[in-house]
Amino acid sequence: MVTHARRAEGPTLTAAEFAALYQSLLSRTAWAGGERGALVALTPARVLAAGREIRTGRTVTLAAPVETSSGPDNPEPAQHKMKGNPKDRATGGLGFAMDRFAMNVHGDADSHIDALCHVIYDGTLHGGVAASSVTPGGAAALSIDVAHDGIVGRGVLLDIPRLRGVPWLEPGDHVTAEDLSAAETAQDVRVGEGDHLFVRVGHRRRRAELGAWNTAQYRAGLHPTALEFLADRRVAVLGGDGNNDTAPSSTEGVDFPVHVLAIHAMGIHLLDYLQFEDLAKVCEAEERWSFLCVVAPLRLPHATGSPVNPIAVL
């Protein structure tokens, strides 16, 4: 078992190597080139099969609580305001307590899902859609509303700190395709076609125990070449307890290579800043790492993403 951290020191992929990897993944996932991207793998038959993962009926959230306090990783926290004073309406008769929320969906603290219109790369969105389709009024194509019927399928959690015998991966460390394969073996599970793949790096536990830090500059995530594992398995959804991308970037000239590869090239919706601490404990106790997973983004017809509360059903 590996017990030491592997920190990225500067780019480990040149621009030319990244371009070659992008083209390779694009061709290998041509089946996911439409409006729904890799969600087309979630056929009714696969959803029915995922339902057979349920054994105890226990439900576990994969989301962190929405945060309304600023911090080094959350300079623009969500805003929660009560509309009026409930006490003013508590003297008799009928009254309603009401509130309003506002948030930066793509921040570095709150759990959210990225739509396929989120990444603009070389002037286009996923599938060659023109970047001009995203205007100040919203996204005319590939918005999160393509998932308005929900994203339901078999979820698999691969726990990389567990594999390495550490509580978490340090910022700057990255997860490789070899790590993902080794975690499968260690956990006696195999990622299959149409699966929701969740990769734990321990971000939430580190944050809880050591405090928040500037995750825009330093965080653990996947190495870009790990996306070859996802292409081989035809994964439908990728989620992480961090941003999915390592920082500093492991790629010359590209700050978010995993986002570019997953969303733009492969059509995979990404879920960022989830929390897996509760789920990991349940999976460990039950000695199984697969489950039914239900993801229900908000109905936001022109949005580039949505806050999200994925639910694992075991």
Protein backbone atom coordinates (compact mmCIF):
# COMPACT_ATOMS: atom_id res chain seq x y z
CA MET A 1 0.00 0.00 0.00
CA VAL A 2 1.35 3.44 -0.94
CA THR A 3 1.69 5.65 2.13
CA HIS A 4 3.35 8.77 0.74
CA ALA A 5 1.93 11.75 -1.12
CA ARG A 6 2.93 12.49 -4.69
CA ARG A 7 2.91 16.22 -5.29
CA ALA A 8 2.85 17.70 -8.77
CA GLU A 9 5.84 19.99 -9.34
CA GLY A 10 5.12 22.10 -12.39
CA PRO A 11 3.44 20.91 -15.59
CA THR A 12 3.78 17.19 -16.29
CA LEU A 13 2.11 17.37 -19.70
CA THR A 14 3.36 19.62 -22.47
CA ALA A 15 0.90 21.52 -24.63
CA ALA A 16 1.52 19.06 -27.46
CA GLU A 17 0.97 16.06 -25.21
CA PHE A 18 -2.27 17.54 -23.91
CA ALA A 19 -3.49 18.24 -27.44
CA ALA A 20 -2.79 14.62 -28.40
CA LEU A 21 -4.61 13.36 -25.29
CA TYR A 22 -7.58 15.62 -26.07
CA GLN A 23 -7.88 14.28 -29.63
CA SER A 24 -7.55 10.69 -28.44
CA LEU A 25 -10.30 11.06 -25.85
CA LEU A 26 -12.51 12.96 -28.30
CA SER A 27 -12.34 10.12 -30.81
CA ARG A 28 -12.82 7.41 -28.18
CA THR A 29 -15.96 9.07 -26.82
CA ALA A 30 -17.58 10.08 -30.10
CA TRP A 31 -20.67 8.17 -28.92
CA ALA A 32 -21.16 10.96 -26.34
CA GLY A 33 -21.00 13.86 -28.78
CA GLY A 34 -24.65 14.95 -28.64
CA GLU A 35 -26.59 17.40 -26.48
CA ARG A 36 -26.74 15.04 -23.49
CA GLY A 37 -23.15 13.95 -23.82
CA ALA A 38 -22.25 10.83 -21.86
CA LEU A 39 -25.67 10.79 -20.20
CA VAL A 40 -26.85 8.80 -23.23
CA ALA A 41 -25.21 5.81 -21.52
CA LEU A 42 -27.90 5.95 -18.82
CA THR A 43 -30.37 3.76 -20.66
CA PRO A 44 -33.57 2.49 -18.99
CA ALA A 45 -31.96 -0.95 -18.77
CA ARG A 46 -28.97 0.46 -16.88
CA VAL A 47 -31.19 2.43 -14.53
CA LEU A 48 -33.13 -0.78 -13.76
CA ALA A 49 -29.86 -2.62 -13.17
CA ALA A 50 -28.68 0.18 -10.85
CA GLY A 51 -31.84 -0.26 -8.80
CA ARG A 52 -30.67 -3.76 -7.97
CA GLU A 53 -27.76 -2.22 -6.05
CA ILE A 54 -30.21 -1.38 -3.26
CA ARG A 55 -29.98 -3.87 -0.37
CA THR A 56 -30.72 -2.00 2.85
CA GLY A 57 -32.62 1.05 1.60
CA ARG A 58 -30.26 3.39 3.46
CA THR A 59 -29.83 6.84 1.91
CA VAL A 60 -26.70 9.00 2.21
CA THR A 61 -26.11 12.54 0.94
CA LEU A 62 -23.04 13.30 -1.15
CA ALA A 63 -23.37 17.07 -0.74
CA ALA A 64 -21.85 19.47 1.75
CA PRO A 65 -24.03 22.08 3.48
CA VAL A 66 -24.30 25.34 1.54
CA GLU A 67 -21.98 27.88 3.20
CA THR A 68 -22.93 31.49 3.81
CA SER A 69 -19.68 32.59 5.50
CA SER A 70 -16.68 33.82 3.54
CA GLY A 71 -13.30 32.11 3.76
CA PRO A 72 -10.06 31.62 1.83
CA ASP A 73 -11.80 29.16 -0.49
CA ASN A 74 -15.15 30.96 -0.50
CA PRO A 75 -14.72 34.71 -1.08
CA GLU A 76 -18.23 34.97 -2.58
CA PRO A 77 -20.35 32.84 -0.23
CA ALA A 78 -23.98 32.03 -0.83
CA GLN A 79 -26.40 34.60 0.52
CA HIS A 80 -29.40 33.54 2.59
CA LYS A 81 -31.78 36.26 3.65
CA MET A 82 -35.13 36.08 5.34
CA LYS A 83 -37.86 38.09 3.65
CA GLY A 84 -39.48 40.13 6.39
CA ASN A 85 -39.52 39.21 10.05
CA PRO A 86 -41.51 36.06 10.94
CA LYS A 87 -42.16 37.55 14.39
CA ASP A 88 -44.23 40.28 12.75
CA ARG A 89 -46.67 37.60 11.57
CA ALA A 90 -46.71 35.49 14.73
CA THR A 91 -49.38 37.39 16.59
CA GLY A 92 -52.28 35.36 15.24
CA GLY A 93 -53.86 34.27 12.00
CA LEU A 94 -51.97 32.99 9.00
CA GLY A 95 -48.39 33.92 8.15
CA PHE A 96 -45.48 32.56 6.13
CA ALA A 97 -41.78 32.45 6.83
CA MET A 98 -39.95 33.16 3.56
CA ASP A 99 -36.37 33.47 2.42
CA ARG A 100 -34.17 34.14 -0.60
CA PHE A 101 -30.95 32.46 -1.75
CA ALA A 102 -28.24 33.67 -4.12
CA MET A 103 -25.01 31.86 -4.89
CA ASN A 104 -22.01 31.58 -7.16
CA VAL A 105 -22.70 28.09 -8.52
CA HIS A 106 -19.12 27.40 -9.65
CA GLY A 107 -17.30 28.38 -6.47
CA ASP A 108 -14.73 26.36 -4.53
CA ALA A 109 -16.84 25.46 -1.49
CA ASP A 110 -20.40 24.45 -2.38
CA SER A 111 -21.41 21.16 -4.03
CA HIS A 112 -22.49 21.71 -7.64
CA ILE A 113 -22.78 20.14 -11.08
CA ASP A 114 -21.22 21.57 -14.25
CA ALA A 115 -23.29 21.62 -17.42
CA LEU A 116 -21.74 20.87 -20.81
CA CYS A 117 -21.89 24.59 -21.66
CA HIS A 118 -19.60 25.43 -18.72
CA VAL A 119 -16.27 24.96 -20.52
CA ILE A 120 -15.32 27.12 -23.50
CA TYR A 121 -12.19 25.83 -25.22
CA ASP A 122 -10.72 27.11 -28.47
CA GLY A 123 -13.91 29.05 -29.18
CA THR A 124 -16.39 26.20 -28.83
CA LEU A 125 -18.42 24.23 -26.33
CA HIS A 126 -18.81 20.45 -26.22
CA GLY A 127 -19.68 18.94 -29.59
CA GLY A 128 -18.43 21.95 -31.53
CA VAL A 129 -21.30 24.20 -30.40
CA ALA A 130 -20.34 27.85 -30.87
CA ALA A 131 -19.24 29.63 -27.71
CA SER A 132 -21.43 32.55 -28.80
CA SER A 133 -24.45 30.45 -27.81
CA VAL A 134 -23.66 31.50 -24.23
CA THR A 135 -24.81 35.10 -23.82
CA PRO A 136 -25.48 37.45 -20.90
CA GLY A 137 -28.99 36.01 -20.95
CA GLY A 138 -27.78 32.45 -20.42
CA ALA A 139 -26.86 29.36 -22.41
CA ALA A 140 -28.94 28.65 -25.52
CA ALA A 141 -27.55 25.11 -25.78
CA LEU A 142 -26.12 22.40 -23.50
CA SER A 143 -27.51 23.99 -20.33
CA ILE A 144 -28.03 21.96 -17.18
CA ASP A 145 -31.65 21.55 -18.24
CA VAL A 146 -30.59 18.63 -20.46
CA ALA A 147 -30.66 16.71 -17.16
CA HIS A 148 -34.16 17.88 -16.14
CA ASP A 149 -35.36 14.28 -15.80
CA GLY A 150 -32.58 13.55 -13.33
CA ILE A 151 -29.33 11.61 -13.58
CA VAL A 152 -29.95 8.14 -12.17
CA GLY A 153 -27.60 5.18 -12.33
CA ARG A 154 -25.07 3.01 -10.57
CA GLY A 155 -22.61 4.94 -8.45
CA VAL A 156 -19.12 3.73 -7.55
CA LEU A 157 -16.90 5.38 -4.93
CA LEU A 158 -13.14 4.90 -5.31
CA ASP A 159 -11.33 5.98 -2.13
CA ILE A 160 -7.76 6.99 -2.98
CA PRO A 161 -6.62 8.01 0.54
CA ARG A 162 -7.83 4.59 1.75
CA LEU A 163 -5.75 2.98 -0.98
CA ARG A 164 -2.64 4.92 0.02
CA GLY A 165 -3.16 4.57 3.76
CA VAL A 166 -3.45 8.31 4.43
CA PRO A 167 -6.37 10.46 5.69
CA TRP A 168 -6.30 12.68 2.60
CA LEU A 169 -4.21 13.64 -0.40
CA GLU A 170 -2.22 16.81 0.03
CA PRO A 171 -2.92 19.82 -2.21
CA GLY A 172 -0.97 19.47 -5.46
CA ASP A 173 -1.19 15.68 -5.44
CA HIS A 174 -2.93 13.95 -8.29
CA VAL A 175 -4.81 10.70 -8.88
CA THR A 176 -3.65 8.57 -11.80
CA ALA A 177 -5.37 5.92 -13.89
CA GLU A 178 -3.21 3.38 -12.06
CA ASP A 179 -4.60 4.66 -8.74
CA LEU A 180 -8.16 4.16 -9.99
CA SER A 181 -7.42 0.60 -11.13
CA ALA A 182 -5.65 -0.21 -7.86
CA ALA A 183 -8.57 1.18 -5.83
CA GLU A 184 -10.95 -1.08 -7.78
CA THR A 185 -8.87 -4.09 -6.83
CA ALA A 186 -8.51 -3.03 -3.18
CA GLN A 187 -12.26 -2.41 -2.86
CA ASP A 188 -13.36 -5.42 -4.92
CA VAL A 189 -15.47 -3.32 -7.29
CA ARG A 190 -15.33 -2.53 -10.99
CA VAL A 191 -16.44 0.64 -12.73
CA GLY A 192 -18.71 -0.14 -15.69
CA GLU A 193 -20.38 1.52 -18.64
CA GLY A 194 -22.81 4.29 -17.68
CA ASP A 195 -21.60 4.45 -14.07
CA HIS A 196 -21.38 7.54 -11.90
CA LEU A 197 -17.72 7.51 -10.83
CA PHE A 198 -16.94 9.31 -7.57
CA VAL A 199 -13.28 9.76 -6.62
CA ARG A 200 -12.45 10.65 -3.01
CA VAL A 201 -9.25 12.63 -2.39
CA GLY A 202 -10.16 13.53 1.20
CA HIS A 203 -10.59 17.26 0.53
CA ARG A 204 -13.51 17.65 2.93
CA ARG A 205 -11.79 15.81 5.77
CA ARG A 206 -8.63 17.89 5.39
CA ARG A 207 -10.71 21.07 5.36
CA ALA A 208 -12.66 20.00 8.45
CA GLU A 209 -9.54 19.10 10.43
CA LEU A 210 -7.05 21.75 9.27
CA GLY A 211 -9.33 24.56 8.13
CA ALA A 212 -10.04 26.09 4.75
CA TRP A 213 -7.26 27.25 2.43
CA ASN A 214 -6.96 28.86 -1.00
CA THR A 215 -8.08 25.91 -3.09
CA ALA A 216 -7.95 27.99 -6.26
CA GLN A 217 -4.17 27.73 -6.00
CA TYR A 218 -3.60 24.39 -4.24
CA ARG A 219 -5.78 21.28 -4.34
CA ALA A 220 -5.63 17.56 -5.05
CA GLY A 221 -7.37 16.14 -8.09
CA LEU A 222 -7.13 13.84 -11.07
CA HIS A 223 -4.20 13.79 -13.46
CA PRO A 224 -5.42 14.44 -17.02
CA THR A 225 -4.26 11.02 -18.18
CA ALA A 226 -6.64 9.45 -15.62
CA LEU A 227 -9.43 10.38 -18.04
CA GLU A 228 -8.28 7.48 -20.23
CA PHE A 229 -9.65 5.18 -17.51
CA LEU A 230 -13.04 6.90 -17.82
CA ALA A 231 -12.99 6.59 -21.60
CA ASP A 232 -12.19 2.87 -21.39
CA ARG A 233 -15.09 2.29 -18.99
CA ARG A 234 -17.56 4.67 -20.73
CA VAL A 235 -18.33 6.50 -17.51
CA ALA A 236 -21.42 8.75 -17.62
CA VAL A 237 -20.71 11.11 -14.71
CA LEU A 238 -17.60 12.11 -12.73
CA GLY A 239 -17.73 13.56 -9.22
CA GLY A 240 -15.09 14.55 -6.71
CA ASP A 241 -14.87 15.98 -3.20
CA GLY A 242 -12.58 18.65 -4.62
CA ASN A 243 -12.60 20.40 -7.98
CA ASN A 244 -11.60 17.22 -9.89
CA ASP A 245 -8.63 19.20 -11.25
CA THR A 246 -5.29 19.40 -9.47
CA ALA A 247 -3.81 22.81 -8.67
CA PRO A 248 -1.25 23.89 -9.65
CA SER A 249 -2.18 22.54 -13.07
CA SER A 250 -0.32 19.51 -14.35
CA THR A 251 -0.61 20.76 -17.94
CA GLU A 252 1.32 23.46 -19.73
CA GLY A 253 -0.93 26.36 -20.68
CA VAL A 254 -4.22 24.83 -19.43
CA ASP A 255 -5.39 25.63 -15.90
CA PHE A 256 -8.25 23.10 -15.77
CA PRO A 257 -7.25 20.18 -18.02
CA VAL A 258 -9.65 17.67 -16.44
CA HIS A 259 -12.57 20.05 -16.98
CA VAL A 260 -11.54 20.53 -20.61
CA LEU A 261 -11.16 16.81 -21.25
CA ALA A 262 -14.20 15.59 -19.32
CA ILE A 263 -16.73 18.25 -20.29
CA HIS A 264 -15.53 19.60 -23.63
CA ALA A 265 -14.04 16.48 -25.23
CA MET A 266 -15.92 13.62 -23.55
CA GLY A 267 -19.32 15.15 -22.74
CA ILE A 268 -19.15 14.14 -19.07
CA HIS A 269 -21.03 16.23 -16.51
CA LEU A 270 -18.76 17.00 -13.56
CA LEU A 271 -19.82 17.27 -9.92
CA ASP A 272 -17.41 19.38 -7.87
CA TYR A 273 -16.88 19.79 -4.13
CA LEU A 274 -19.08 16.93 -2.99
CA GLN A 275 -18.48 15.27 0.37
CA PHE A 276 -17.85 11.56 0.70
CA GLU A 277 -16.99 11.20 4.39
CA ASP A 278 -20.44 9.86 5.34
CA LEU A 279 -20.67 7.58 2.31
CA ALA A 280 -17.14 6.21 2.76
CA LYS A 281 -17.96 5.12 6.32
CA VAL A 282 -21.13 3.35 5.20
CA CYS A 283 -19.36 1.64 2.28
CA GLU A 284 -16.55 0.52 4.57
CA ALA A 285 -19.00 -0.88 7.11
CA GLU A 286 -21.06 -2.71 4.48
CA GLU A 287 -17.96 -3.81 2.54
CA ARG A 288 -19.37 -2.66 -0.79
CA TRP A 289 -18.60 0.44 -2.81
CA SER A 290 -21.41 0.55 -5.38
CA PHE A 291 -24.96 1.87 -4.96
CA LEU A 292 -27.88 3.47 -6.73
CA CYS A 293 -27.22 7.18 -7.19
CA VAL A 294 -29.79 9.90 -7.88
CA VAL A 295 -28.67 13.37 -9.00
CA ALA A 296 -31.42 15.98 -9.48
CA PRO A 297 -30.19 19.39 -10.71
CA LEU A 298 -32.56 22.33 -10.40
CA ARG A 299 -34.71 23.20 -13.42
CA LEU A 300 -32.58 26.10 -14.69
CA PRO A 301 -33.21 26.21 -18.46
CA HIS A 302 -30.27 28.48 -19.40
CA ALA A 303 -27.76 27.83 -16.60
CA THR A 304 -24.19 26.56 -16.81
CA GLY A 305 -24.66 24.45 -13.70
CA SER A 306 -26.67 23.96 -10.55
CA PRO A 307 -26.27 23.41 -6.83
CA VAL A 308 -26.83 19.74 -6.23
CA ASN A 309 -27.48 17.17 -3.51
CA PRO A 310 -26.72 13.70 -4.92
CA ILE A 311 -28.19 10.83 -2.93
CA ALA A 312 -26.67 7.35 -2.67
CA VAL A 313 -29.15 4.55 -1.96
CA LEU A 314 -27.54 1.40 -0.61
